[in-house]
Amino acid sequence: DALSHAKYFQSKCCETANQMQDPQLKSY
């Protein structure tokens, strides 16, 4: 479960960062 959750959150962060315009927020 922990592996699945970590992989899911990592992929969602990557997807979200790719859609962001603000460089500071994207970096975070």
mmCIF file of all heavy atoms, coordinates in Angstrom:
data_MODEL
# 
_entry.id   MODEL 
# 
loop_
_atom_site.group_PDB 
_atom_site.id 
_atom_site.type_symbol 
_atom_site.label_atom_id 
_atom_site.label_alt_id 
_atom_site.label_comp_id 
_atom_site.label_asym_id 
_atom_site.label_entity_id 
_atom_site.label_seq_id 
_atom_site.pdbx_PDB_ins_code 
_atom_site.Cartn_x 
_atom_site.Cartn_y 
_atom_site.Cartn_z 
_atom_site.occupancy 
_atom_site.B_iso_or_equiv 
_atom_site.pdbx_formal_charge 
_atom_site.auth_seq_id 
_atom_site.auth_comp_id 
_atom_site.auth_asym_id 
_atom_site.auth_atom_id 
_atom_site.pdbx_PDB_model_num 
ATOM 1   N N   . ASP A 1 1  ? 0.828  -1.213 0.000   1.00 0.00 ? 1  ASP A N   1 
ATOM 2   C CA  . ASP A 1 1  ? 0.000  0.000  0.000   1.00 0.00 ? 1  ASP A CA  1 
ATOM 3   C C   . ASP A 1 1  ? 0.858  1.257  0.000   1.00 0.00 ? 1  ASP A C   1 
ATOM 4   O O   . ASP A 1 1  ? 0.572  2.219  -0.720  1.00 0.00 ? 1  ASP A O   1 
ATOM 5   C CB  . ASP A 1 1  ? -0.929 0.022  1.226   1.00 0.00 ? 1  ASP A CB  1 
ATOM 6   C CG  . ASP A 1 1  ? -2.118 -0.899 1.095   1.00 0.00 ? 1  ASP A CG  1 
ATOM 7   O OD1 . ASP A 1 1  ? -2.399 -1.361 -0.030  1.00 0.00 ? 1  ASP A OD1 1 
ATOM 8   O OD2 . ASP A 1 1  ? -2.760 -1.155 2.128   1.00 0.00 ? 1  ASP A OD2 1 
ATOM 9   N N   . ALA A 1 2  ? 1.895  1.261  0.811   1.00 0.00 ? 2  ALA A N   1 
ATOM 10  C CA  . ALA A 1 2  ? 2.778  2.426  0.882   1.00 0.00 ? 2  ALA A CA  1 
ATOM 11  C C   . ALA A 1 2  ? 3.457  2.671  -0.456  1.00 0.00 ? 2  ALA A C   1 
ATOM 12  O O   . ALA A 1 2  ? 3.578  3.816  -0.899  1.00 0.00 ? 2  ALA A O   1 
ATOM 13  C CB  . ALA A 1 2  ? 3.819  2.232  1.991   1.00 0.00 ? 2  ALA A CB  1 
ATOM 14  N N   . LEU A 1 3  ? 3.901  1.600  -1.122  1.00 0.00 ? 3  LEU A N   1 
ATOM 15  C CA  . LEU A 1 3  ? 4.513  1.742  -2.447  1.00 0.00 ? 3  LEU A CA  1 
ATOM 16  C C   . LEU A 1 3  ? 3.515  2.327  -3.449  1.00 0.00 ? 3  LEU A C   1 
ATOM 17  O O   . LEU A 1 3  ? 3.851  3.232  -4.221  1.00 0.00 ? 3  LEU A O   1 
ATOM 18  C CB  . LEU A 1 3  ? 5.009  0.386  -2.956  1.00 0.00 ? 3  LEU A CB  1 
ATOM 19  C CG  . LEU A 1 3  ? 6.290  -0.153 -2.352  1.00 0.00 ? 3  LEU A CG  1 
ATOM 20  C CD1 . LEU A 1 3  ? 6.502  -1.610 -2.762  1.00 0.00 ? 3  LEU A CD1 1 
ATOM 21  C CD2 . LEU A 1 3  ? 7.478  0.688  -2.770  1.00 0.00 ? 3  LEU A CD2 1 
ATOM 22  N N   . SER A 1 4  ? 2.305  1.815  -3.416  1.00 0.00 ? 4  SER A N   1 
ATOM 23  C CA  . SER A 1 4  ? 1.268  2.304  -4.336  1.00 0.00 ? 4  SER A CA  1 
ATOM 24  C C   . SER A 1 4  ? 0.955  3.776  -4.097  1.00 0.00 ? 4  SER A C   1 
ATOM 25  O O   . SER A 1 4  ? 0.833  4.554  -5.037  1.00 0.00 ? 4  SER A O   1 
ATOM 26  C CB  . SER A 1 4  ? -0.014 1.482  -4.185  1.00 0.00 ? 4  SER A CB  1 
ATOM 27  O OG  . SER A 1 4  ? 0.202  0.157  -4.576  1.00 0.00 ? 4  SER A OG  1 
ATOM 28  N N   . HIS A 1 5  ? 0.835  4.149  -2.830  1.00 0.00 ? 5  HIS A N   1 
ATOM 29  C CA  . HIS A 1 5  ? 0.529  5.541  -2.507  1.00 0.00 ? 5  HIS A CA  1 
ATOM 30  C C   . HIS A 1 5  ? 1.671  6.469  -2.902  1.00 0.00 ? 5  HIS A C   1 
ATOM 31  O O   . HIS A 1 5  ? 1.435  7.542  -3.470  1.00 0.00 ? 5  HIS A O   1 
ATOM 32  C CB  . HIS A 1 5  ? 0.212  5.693  -1.015  1.00 0.00 ? 5  HIS A CB  1 
ATOM 33  C CG  . HIS A 1 5  ? -1.107 5.131  -0.633  1.00 0.00 ? 5  HIS A CG  1 
ATOM 34  N ND1 . HIS A 1 5  ? -1.234 4.151  0.315   1.00 0.00 ? 5  HIS A ND1 1 
ATOM 35  C CD2 . HIS A 1 5  ? -2.358 5.382  -1.075  1.00 0.00 ? 5  HIS A CD2 1 
ATOM 36  C CE1 . HIS A 1 5  ? -2.513 3.836  0.438   1.00 0.00 ? 5  HIS A CE1 1 
ATOM 37  N NE2 . HIS A 1 5  ? -3.208 4.561  -0.393  1.00 0.00 ? 5  HIS A NE2 1 
ATOM 38  N N   . ALA A 1 6  ? 2.882  6.079  -2.610  1.00 0.00 ? 6  ALA A N   1 
ATOM 39  C CA  . ALA A 1 6  ? 4.026  6.919  -2.951  1.00 0.00 ? 6  ALA A CA  1 
ATOM 40  C C   . ALA A 1 6  ? 4.140  7.096  -4.461  1.00 0.00 ? 6  ALA A C   1 
ATOM 41  O O   . ALA A 1 6  ? 4.387  8.203  -4.951  1.00 0.00 ? 6  ALA A O   1 
ATOM 42  C CB  . ALA A 1 6  ? 5.315  6.326  -2.391  1.00 0.00 ? 6  ALA A CB  1 
ATOM 43  N N   . LYS A 1 7  ? 3.931  6.027  -5.219  1.00 0.00 ? 7  LYS A N   1 
ATOM 44  C CA  . LYS A 1 7  ? 3.997  6.102  -6.679  1.00 0.00 ? 7  LYS A CA  1 
ATOM 45  C C   . LYS A 1 7  ? 2.873  6.983  -7.220  1.00 0.00 ? 7  LYS A C   1 
ATOM 46  O O   . LYS A 1 7  ? 3.077  7.783  -8.128  1.00 0.00 ? 7  LYS A O   1 
ATOM 47  C CB  . LYS A 1 7  ? 3.928  4.702  -7.273  1.00 0.00 ? 7  LYS A CB  1 
ATOM 48  C CG  . LYS A 1 7  ? 4.421  4.627  -8.668  1.00 0.00 ? 7  LYS A CG  1 
ATOM 49  C CD  . LYS A 1 7  ? 5.881  4.999  -8.697  1.00 0.00 ? 7  LYS A CD  1 
ATOM 50  C CE  . LYS A 1 7  ? 6.549  4.587  -9.963  1.00 0.00 ? 7  LYS A CE  1 
ATOM 51  N NZ  . LYS A 1 7  ? 7.870  5.163  -10.089 1.00 0.00 ? 7  LYS A NZ  1 
ATOM 52  N N   . TYR A 1 8  ? 1.681  6.841  -6.652  1.00 0.00 ? 8  TYR A N   1 
ATOM 53  C CA  . TYR A 1 8  ? 0.541  7.654  -7.072  1.00 0.00 ? 8  TYR A CA  1 
ATOM 54  C C   . TYR A 1 8  ? 0.802  9.138  -6.814  1.00 0.00 ? 8  TYR A C   1 
ATOM 55  O O   . TYR A 1 8  ? 0.609  9.967  -7.711  1.00 0.00 ? 8  TYR A O   1 
ATOM 56  C CB  . TYR A 1 8  ? -0.722 7.204  -6.332  1.00 0.00 ? 8  TYR A CB  1 
ATOM 57  C CG  . TYR A 1 8  ? -1.912 8.088  -6.587  1.00 0.00 ? 8  TYR A CG  1 
ATOM 58  C CD1 . TYR A 1 8  ? -2.640 7.965  -7.759  1.00 0.00 ? 8  TYR A CD1 1 
ATOM 59  C CD2 . TYR A 1 8  ? -2.300 9.047  -5.657  1.00 0.00 ? 8  TYR A CD2 1 
ATOM 60  C CE1 . TYR A 1 8  ? -3.734 8.780  -7.997  1.00 0.00 ? 8  TYR A CE1 1 
ATOM 61  C CE2 . TYR A 1 8  ? -3.385 9.861  -5.891  1.00 0.00 ? 8  TYR A CE2 1 
ATOM 62  C CZ  . TYR A 1 8  ? -4.108 9.729  -7.066  1.00 0.00 ? 8  TYR A CZ  1 
ATOM 63  O OH  . TYR A 1 8  ? -5.179 10.552 -7.295  1.00 0.00 ? 8  TYR A OH  1 
ATOM 64  N N   . PHE A 1 9  ? 1.255  9.473  -5.614  1.00 0.00 ? 9  PHE A N   1 
ATOM 65  C CA  . PHE A 1 9  ? 1.510  10.874 -5.285  1.00 0.00 ? 9  PHE A CA  1 
ATOM 66  C C   . PHE A 1 9  ? 2.630  11.446 -6.136  1.00 0.00 ? 9  PHE A C   1 
ATOM 67  O O   . PHE A 1 9  ? 2.570  12.603 -6.572  1.00 0.00 ? 9  PHE A O   1 
ATOM 68  C CB  . PHE A 1 9  ? 1.826  11.049 -3.804  1.00 0.00 ? 9  PHE A CB  1 
ATOM 69  C CG  . PHE A 1 9  ? 0.635  10.862 -2.909  1.00 0.00 ? 9  PHE A CG  1 
ATOM 70  C CD1 . PHE A 1 9  ? 0.702  10.024 -1.812  1.00 0.00 ? 9  PHE A CD1 1 
ATOM 71  C CD2 . PHE A 1 9  ? -0.561 11.509 -3.166  1.00 0.00 ? 9  PHE A CD2 1 
ATOM 72  C CE1 . PHE A 1 9  ? -0.397 9.836  -0.991  1.00 0.00 ? 9  PHE A CE1 1 
ATOM 73  C CE2 . PHE A 1 9  ? -1.666 11.332 -2.348  1.00 0.00 ? 9  PHE A CE2 1 
ATOM 74  C CZ  . PHE A 1 9  ? -1.581 10.489 -1.257  1.00 0.00 ? 9  PHE A CZ  1 
ATOM 75  N N   . GLN A 1 10 ? 3.642  10.638 -6.424  1.00 0.00 ? 10 GLN A N   1 
ATOM 76  C CA  . GLN A 1 10 ? 4.747  11.094 -7.275  1.00 0.00 ? 10 GLN A CA  1 
ATOM 77  C C   . GLN A 1 10 ? 4.230  11.408 -8.677  1.00 0.00 ? 10 GLN A C   1 
ATOM 78  O O   . GLN A 1 10 ? 4.549  12.440 -9.251  1.00 0.00 ? 10 GLN A O   1 
ATOM 79  C CB  . GLN A 1 10 ? 5.846  10.025 -7.325  1.00 0.00 ? 10 GLN A CB  1 
ATOM 80  C CG  . GLN A 1 10 ? 7.114  10.451 -8.029  1.00 0.00 ? 10 GLN A CG  1 
ATOM 81  C CD  . GLN A 1 10 ? 7.082  10.203 -9.521  1.00 0.00 ? 10 GLN A CD  1 
ATOM 82  O OE1 . GLN A 1 10 ? 6.437  9.278  -9.991  1.00 0.00 ? 10 GLN A OE1 1 
ATOM 83  N NE2 . GLN A 1 10 ? 7.759  11.037 -10.259 1.00 0.00 ? 10 GLN A NE2 1 
ATOM 84  N N   . SER A 1 11 ? 3.401  10.534 -9.219  1.00 0.00 ? 11 SER A N   1 
ATOM 85  C CA  . SER A 1 11 ? 2.887  10.765 -10.575 1.00 0.00 ? 11 SER A CA  1 
ATOM 86  C C   . SER A 1 11 ? 1.944  11.963 -10.613 1.00 0.00 ? 11 SER A C   1 
ATOM 87  O O   . SER A 1 11 ? 1.959  12.737 -11.573 1.00 0.00 ? 11 SER A O   1 
ATOM 88  C CB  . SER A 1 11 ? 2.200  9.514  -11.118 1.00 0.00 ? 11 SER A CB  1 
ATOM 89  O OG  . SER A 1 11 ? 1.019  9.230  -10.421 1.00 0.00 ? 11 SER A OG  1 
ATOM 90  N N   . LYS A 1 12 ? 1.134  12.140 -9.582  1.00 0.00 ? 12 LYS A N   1 
ATOM 91  C CA  . LYS A 1 12 ? 0.226  13.294 -9.541  1.00 0.00 ? 12 LYS A CA  1 
ATOM 92  C C   . LYS A 1 12 ? 1.002  14.601 -9.408  1.00 0.00 ? 12 LYS A C   1 
ATOM 93  O O   . LYS A 1 12 ? 0.632  15.611 -10.011 1.00 0.00 ? 12 LYS A O   1 
ATOM 94  C CB  . LYS A 1 12 ? -0.782 13.155 -8.392  1.00 0.00 ? 12 LYS A CB  1 
ATOM 95  C CG  . LYS A 1 12 ? -1.846 12.147 -8.664  1.00 0.00 ? 12 LYS A CG  1 
ATOM 96  C CD  . LYS A 1 12 ? -2.610 12.515 -9.919  1.00 0.00 ? 12 LYS A CD  1 
ATOM 97  C CE  . LYS A 1 12 ? -3.540 11.444 -10.359 1.00 0.00 ? 12 LYS A CE  1 
ATOM 98  N NZ  . LYS A 1 12 ? -4.215 11.756 -11.623 1.00 0.00 ? 12 LYS A NZ  1 
ATOM 99  N N   . CYS A 1 13 ? 2.067  14.590 -8.631  1.00 0.00 ? 13 CYS A N   1 
ATOM 100 C CA  . CYS A 1 13 ? 2.898  15.796 -8.515  1.00 0.00 ? 13 CYS A CA  1 
ATOM 101 C C   . CYS A 1 13 ? 3.523  16.138 -9.863  1.00 0.00 ? 13 CYS A C   1 
ATOM 102 O O   . CYS A 1 13 ? 3.555  17.307 -10.259 1.00 0.00 ? 13 CYS A O   1 
ATOM 103 C CB  . CYS A 1 13 ? 3.991  15.599 -7.468  1.00 0.00 ? 13 CYS A CB  1 
ATOM 104 S SG  . CYS A 1 13 ? 3.394  15.628 -5.770  1.00 0.00 ? 13 CYS A SG  1 
ATOM 105 N N   . CYS A 1 14 ? 3.990  15.136 -10.567 1.00 0.00 ? 14 CYS A N   1 
ATOM 106 C CA  . CYS A 1 14 ? 4.600  15.348 -11.880 1.00 0.00 ? 14 CYS A CA  1 
ATOM 107 C C   . CYS A 1 14 ? 3.570  15.908 -12.859 1.00 0.00 ? 14 CYS A C   1 
ATOM 108 O O   . CYS A 1 14 ? 3.851  16.883 -13.567 1.00 0.00 ? 14 CYS A O   1 
ATOM 109 C CB  . CYS A 1 14 ? 5.170  14.035 -12.396 1.00 0.00 ? 14 CYS A CB  1 
ATOM 110 S SG  . CYS A 1 14 ? 6.033  14.194 -13.962 1.00 0.00 ? 14 CYS A SG  1 
ATOM 111 N N   . GLU A 1 15 ? 2.396  15.311 -12.900 1.00 0.00 ? 15 GLU A N   1 
ATOM 112 C CA  . GLU A 1 15 ? 1.329  15.791 -13.779 1.00 0.00 ? 15 GLU A CA  1 
ATOM 113 C C   . GLU A 1 15 ? 0.946  17.232 -13.450 1.00 0.00 ? 15 GLU A C   1 
ATOM 114 O O   . GLU A 1 15 ? 0.784  18.063 -14.338 1.00 0.00 ? 15 GLU A O   1 
ATOM 115 C CB  . GLU A 1 15 ? 0.087  14.915 -13.650 1.00 0.00 ? 15 GLU A CB  1 
ATOM 116 C CG  . GLU A 1 15 ? 0.213  13.548 -14.247 1.00 0.00 ? 15 GLU A CG  1 
ATOM 117 C CD  . GLU A 1 15 ? -1.016 12.693 -13.974 1.00 0.00 ? 15 GLU A CD  1 
ATOM 118 O OE1 . GLU A 1 15 ? -2.100 13.242 -13.695 1.00 0.00 ? 15 GLU A OE1 1 
ATOM 119 O OE2 . GLU A 1 15 ? -0.869 11.461 -14.031 1.00 0.00 ? 15 GLU A OE2 1 
ATOM 120 N N   . THR A 1 16 ? 0.804  17.510 -12.173 1.00 0.00 ? 16 THR A N   1 
ATOM 121 C CA  . THR A 1 16 ? 0.400  18.848 -11.734 1.00 0.00 ? 16 THR A CA  1 
ATOM 122 C C   . THR A 1 16 ? 1.473  19.875 -12.052 1.00 0.00 ? 16 THR A C   1 
ATOM 123 O O   . THR A 1 16 ? 1.176  20.966 -12.551 1.00 0.00 ? 16 THR A O   1 
ATOM 124 C CB  . THR A 1 16 ? 0.089  18.842 -10.224 1.00 0.00 ? 16 THR A CB  1 
ATOM 125 O OG1 . THR A 1 16 ? -0.934 17.880 -9.977  1.00 0.00 ? 16 THR A OG1 1 
ATOM 126 C CG2 . THR A 1 16 ? -0.375 20.207 -9.758  1.00 0.00 ? 16 THR A CG2 1 
ATOM 127 N N   . ALA A 1 17 ? 2.721  19.540 -11.790 1.00 0.00 ? 17 ALA A N   1 
ATOM 128 C CA  . ALA A 1 17 ? 3.824  20.470 -12.059 1.00 0.00 ? 17 ALA A CA  1 
ATOM 129 C C   . ALA A 1 17 ? 3.895  20.813 -13.543 1.00 0.00 ? 17 ALA A C   1 
ATOM 130 O O   . ALA A 1 17 ? 4.175  21.963 -13.904 1.00 0.00 ? 17 ALA A O   1 
ATOM 131 C CB  . ALA A 1 17 ? 5.145  19.870 -11.587 1.00 0.00 ? 17 ALA A CB  1 
ATOM 132 N N   . ASN A 1 18 ? 3.624  19.846 -14.401 1.00 0.00 ? 18 ASN A N   1 
ATOM 133 C CA  . ASN A 1 18 ? 3.669  20.090 -15.837 1.00 0.00 ? 18 ASN A CA  1 
ATOM 134 C C   . ASN A 1 18 ? 2.584  21.049 -16.309 1.00 0.00 ? 18 ASN A C   1 
ATOM 135 O O   . ASN A 1 18 ? 2.709  21.648 -17.380 1.00 0.00 ? 18 ASN A O   1 
ATOM 136 C CB  . ASN A 1 18 ? 3.566  18.771 -16.611 1.00 0.00 ? 18 ASN A CB  1 
ATOM 137 C CG  . ASN A 1 18 ? 4.827  17.969 -16.522 1.00 0.00 ? 18 ASN A CG  1 
ATOM 138 O OD1 . ASN A 1 18 ? 5.908  18.503 -16.322 1.00 0.00 ? 18 ASN A OD1 1 
ATOM 139 N ND2 . ASN A 1 18 ? 4.702  16.653 -16.659 1.00 0.00 ? 18 ASN A ND2 1 
ATOM 140 N N   . GLN A 1 19 ? 1.548  21.229 -15.520 1.00 0.00 ? 19 GLN A N   1 
ATOM 141 C CA  . GLN A 1 19 ? 0.450  22.111 -15.889 1.00 0.00 ? 19 GLN A CA  1 
ATOM 142 C C   . GLN A 1 19 ? 0.571  23.500 -15.265 1.00 0.00 ? 19 GLN A C   1 
ATOM 143 O O   . GLN A 1 19 ? -0.213 24.387 -15.582 1.00 0.00 ? 19 GLN A O   1 
ATOM 144 C CB  . GLN A 1 19 ? -0.882 21.490 -15.471 1.00 0.00 ? 19 GLN A CB  1 
ATOM 145 C CG  . GLN A 1 19 ? -1.181 20.182 -16.172 1.00 0.00 ? 19 GLN A CG  1 
ATOM 146 C CD  . GLN A 1 19 ? -2.431 19.517 -15.634 1.00 0.00 ? 19 GLN A CD  1 
ATOM 147 O OE1 . GLN A 1 19 ? -3.158 20.074 -14.819 1.00 0.00 ? 19 GLN A OE1 1 
ATOM 148 N NE2 . GLN A 1 19 ? -2.685 18.306 -16.102 1.00 0.00 ? 19 GLN A NE2 1 
ATOM 149 N N   . MET A 1 20 ? 1.542  23.707 -14.402 1.00 0.00 ? 20 MET A N   1 
ATOM 150 C CA  . MET A 1 20 ? 1.661  24.964 -13.670 1.00 0.00 ? 20 MET A CA  1 
ATOM 151 C C   . MET A 1 20 ? 2.441  26.007 -14.458 1.00 0.00 ? 20 MET A C   1 
ATOM 152 O O   . MET A 1 20 ? 3.376  25.662 -15.187 1.00 0.00 ? 20 MET A O   1 
ATOM 153 C CB  . MET A 1 20 ? 2.316  24.736 -12.319 1.00 0.00 ? 20 MET A CB  1 
ATOM 154 C CG  . MET A 1 20 ? 1.494  23.887 -11.412 1.00 0.00 ? 20 MET A CG  1 
ATOM 155 S SD  . MET A 1 20 ? 2.248  23.784 -9.797  1.00 0.00 ? 20 MET A SD  1 
ATOM 156 C CE  . MET A 1 20 ? 0.796  23.638 -8.812  1.00 0.00 ? 20 MET A CE  1 
ATOM 157 N N   . GLN A 1 21 ? 2.052  27.252 -14.263 1.00 0.00 ? 21 GLN A N   1 
ATOM 158 C CA  . GLN A 1 21 ? 2.717  28.373 -14.903 1.00 0.00 ? 21 GLN A CA  1 
ATOM 159 C C   . GLN A 1 21 ? 3.675  29.094 -13.959 1.00 0.00 ? 21 GLN A C   1 
ATOM 160 O O   . GLN A 1 21 ? 4.705  29.597 -14.376 1.00 0.00 ? 21 GLN A O   1 
ATOM 161 C CB  . GLN A 1 21 ? 1.668  29.374 -15.425 1.00 0.00 ? 21 GLN A CB  1 
ATOM 162 C CG  . GLN A 1 21 ? 0.683  28.768 -16.415 1.00 0.00 ? 21 GLN A CG  1 
ATOM 163 C CD  . GLN A 1 21 ? 1.355  28.240 -17.663 1.00 0.00 ? 21 GLN A CD  1 
ATOM 164 O OE1 . GLN A 1 21 ? 2.270  28.863 -18.191 1.00 0.00 ? 21 GLN A OE1 1 
ATOM 165 N NE2 . GLN A 1 21 ? 0.915  27.080 -18.126 1.00 0.00 ? 21 GLN A NE2 1 
ATOM 166 N N   . ASP A 1 22 ? 3.311  29.156 -12.691 1.00 0.00 ? 22 ASP A N   1 
ATOM 167 C CA  . ASP A 1 22 ? 4.133  29.849 -11.695 1.00 0.00 ? 22 ASP A CA  1 
ATOM 168 C C   . ASP A 1 22 ? 5.401  29.038 -11.430 1.00 0.00 ? 22 ASP A C   1 
ATOM 169 O O   . ASP A 1 22 ? 5.333  27.904 -10.945 1.00 0.00 ? 22 ASP A O   1 
ATOM 170 C CB  . ASP A 1 22 ? 3.337  30.008 -10.398 1.00 0.00 ? 22 ASP A CB  1 
ATOM 171 C CG  . ASP A 1 22 ? 4.069  30.797 -9.330  1.00 0.00 ? 22 ASP A CG  1 
ATOM 172 O OD1 . ASP A 1 22 ? 5.280  30.539 -9.129  1.00 0.00 ? 22 ASP A OD1 1 
ATOM 173 O OD2 . ASP A 1 22 ? 3.435  31.649 -8.691  1.00 0.00 ? 22 ASP A OD2 1 
ATOM 174 N N   . PRO A 1 23 ? 6.581  29.585 -11.732 1.00 0.00 ? 23 PRO A N   1 
ATOM 175 C CA  . PRO A 1 23 ? 7.817  28.814 -11.586 1.00 0.00 ? 23 PRO A CA  1 
ATOM 176 C C   . PRO A 1 23 ? 8.132  28.387 -10.152 1.00 0.00 ? 23 PRO A C   1 
ATOM 177 O O   . PRO A 1 23 ? 8.646  27.288 -9.922  1.00 0.00 ? 23 PRO A O   1 
ATOM 178 C CB  . PRO A 1 23 ? 8.905  29.732 -12.125 1.00 0.00 ? 23 PRO A CB  1 
ATOM 179 C CG  . PRO A 1 23 ? 8.277  31.019 -12.453 1.00 0.00 ? 23 PRO A CG  1 
ATOM 180 C CD  . PRO A 1 23 ? 6.805  30.897 -12.283 1.00 0.00 ? 23 PRO A CD  1 
ATOM 181 N N   . GLN A 1 24 ? 7.828  29.243 -9.178  1.00 0.00 ? 24 GLN A N   1 
ATOM 182 C CA  . GLN A 1 24 ? 8.109  28.886 -7.785  1.00 0.00 ? 24 GLN A CA  1 
ATOM 183 C C   . GLN A 1 24 ? 7.213  27.748 -7.315  1.00 0.00 ? 24 GLN A C   1 
ATOM 184 O O   . GLN A 1 24 ? 7.674  26.806 -6.672  1.00 0.00 ? 24 GLN A O   1 
ATOM 185 C CB  . GLN A 1 24 ? 7.932  30.098 -6.873  1.00 0.00 ? 24 GLN A CB  1 
ATOM 186 C CG  . GLN A 1 24 ? 9.024  31.130 -7.026  1.00 0.00 ? 24 GLN A CG  1 
ATOM 187 C CD  . GLN A 1 24 ? 8.791  32.317 -6.108  1.00 0.00 ? 24 GLN A CD  1 
ATOM 188 O OE1 . GLN A 1 24 ? 7.668  32.789 -5.959  1.00 0.00 ? 24 GLN A OE1 1 
ATOM 189 N NE2 . GLN A 1 24 ? 9.877  32.804 -5.517  1.00 0.00 ? 24 GLN A NE2 1 
ATOM 190 N N   . LEU A 1 25 ? 5.944  27.845 -7.644  1.00 0.00 ? 25 LEU A N   1 
ATOM 191 C CA  . LEU A 1 25 ? 4.996  26.806 -7.251  1.00 0.00 ? 25 LEU A CA  1 
ATOM 192 C C   . LEU A 1 25 ? 5.312  25.502 -7.988  1.00 0.00 ? 25 LEU A C   1 
ATOM 193 O O   . LEU A 1 25 ? 5.280  24.418 -7.395  1.00 0.00 ? 25 LEU A O   1 
ATOM 194 C CB  . LEU A 1 25 ? 3.568  27.255 -7.546  1.00 0.00 ? 25 LEU A CB  1 
ATOM 195 C CG  . LEU A 1 25 ? 2.439  26.413 -6.995  1.00 0.00 ? 25 LEU A CG  1 
ATOM 196 C CD1 . LEU A 1 25 ? 2.588  26.209 -5.491  1.00 0.00 ? 25 LEU A CD1 1 
ATOM 197 C CD2 . LEU A 1 25 ? 1.098  27.065 -7.301  1.00 0.00 ? 25 LEU A CD2 1 
ATOM 198 N N   . LYS A 1 26 ? 5.660  25.612 -9.258  1.00 0.00 ? 26 LYS A N   1 
ATOM 199 C CA  . LYS A 1 26 ? 6.026  24.439 -10.039 1.00 0.00 ? 26 LYS A CA  1 
ATOM 200 C C   . LYS A 1 26 ? 7.242  23.747 -9.420  1.00 0.00 ? 26 LYS A C   1 
ATOM 201 O O   . LYS A 1 26 ? 7.271  22.520 -9.298  1.00 0.00 ? 26 LYS A O   1 
ATOM 202 C CB  . LYS A 1 26 ? 6.322  24.844 -11.476 1.00 0.00 ? 26 LYS A CB  1 
ATOM 203 C CG  . LYS A 1 26 ? 6.664  23.692 -12.371 1.00 0.00 ? 26 LYS A CG  1 
ATOM 204 C CD  . LYS A 1 26 ? 6.850  24.145 -13.813 1.00 0.00 ? 26 LYS A CD  1 
ATOM 205 C CE  . LYS A 1 26 ? 7.108  22.952 -14.707 1.00 0.00 ? 26 LYS A CE  1 
ATOM 206 N NZ  . LYS A 1 26 ? 7.029  23.262 -16.114 1.00 0.00 ? 26 LYS A NZ  1 
ATOM 207 N N   . SER A 1 27 ? 8.221  24.518 -9.026  1.00 0.00 ? 27 SER A N   1 
ATOM 208 C CA  . SER A 1 27 ? 9.421  23.967 -8.406  1.00 0.00 ? 27 SER A CA  1 
ATOM 209 C C   . SER A 1 27 ? 9.077  23.252 -7.105  1.00 0.00 ? 27 SER A C   1 
ATOM 210 O O   . SER A 1 27 ? 9.601  22.162 -6.822  1.00 0.00 ? 27 SER A O   1 
ATOM 211 C CB  . SER A 1 27 ? 10.430 25.081 -8.146  1.00 0.00 ? 27 SER A CB  1 
ATOM 212 O OG  . SER A 1 27 ? 11.538 24.598 -7.453  1.00 0.00 ? 27 SER A OG  1 
ATOM 213 N N   . TYR A 1 28 ? 8.207  23.848 -6.314  1.00 0.00 ? 28 TYR A N   1 
ATOM 214 C CA  . TYR A 1 28 ? 7.800  23.245 -5.048  1.00 0.00 ? 28 TYR A CA  1 
ATOM 215 C C   . TYR A 1 28 ? 7.108  21.899 -5.277  1.00 0.00 ? 28 TYR A C   1 
ATOM 216 O O   . TYR A 1 28 ? 7.397  20.914 -4.595  1.00 0.00 ? 28 TYR A O   1 
ATOM 217 C CB  . TYR A 1 28 ? 6.888  24.198 -4.272  1.00 0.00 ? 28 TYR A CB  1 
ATOM 218 C CG  . TYR A 1 28 ? 6.423  23.635 -2.958  1.00 0.00 ? 28 TYR A CG  1 
ATOM 219 C CD1 . TYR A 1 28 ? 7.298  23.523 -1.886  1.00 0.00 ? 28 TYR A CD1 1 
ATOM 220 C CD2 . TYR A 1 28 ? 5.116  23.187 -2.799  1.00 0.00 ? 28 TYR A CD2 1 
ATOM 221 C CE1 . TYR A 1 28 ? 6.882  22.984 -0.676  1.00 0.00 ? 28 TYR A CE1 1 
ATOM 222 C CE2 . TYR A 1 28 ? 4.696  22.646 -1.599  1.00 0.00 ? 28 TYR A CE2 1 
ATOM 223 C CZ  . TYR A 1 28 ? 5.576  22.547 -0.540  1.00 0.00 ? 28 TYR A CZ  1 
ATOM 224 O OH  . TYR A 1 28 ? 5.166  22.003 0.648   1.00 0.00 ? 28 TYR A OH  1 
# 
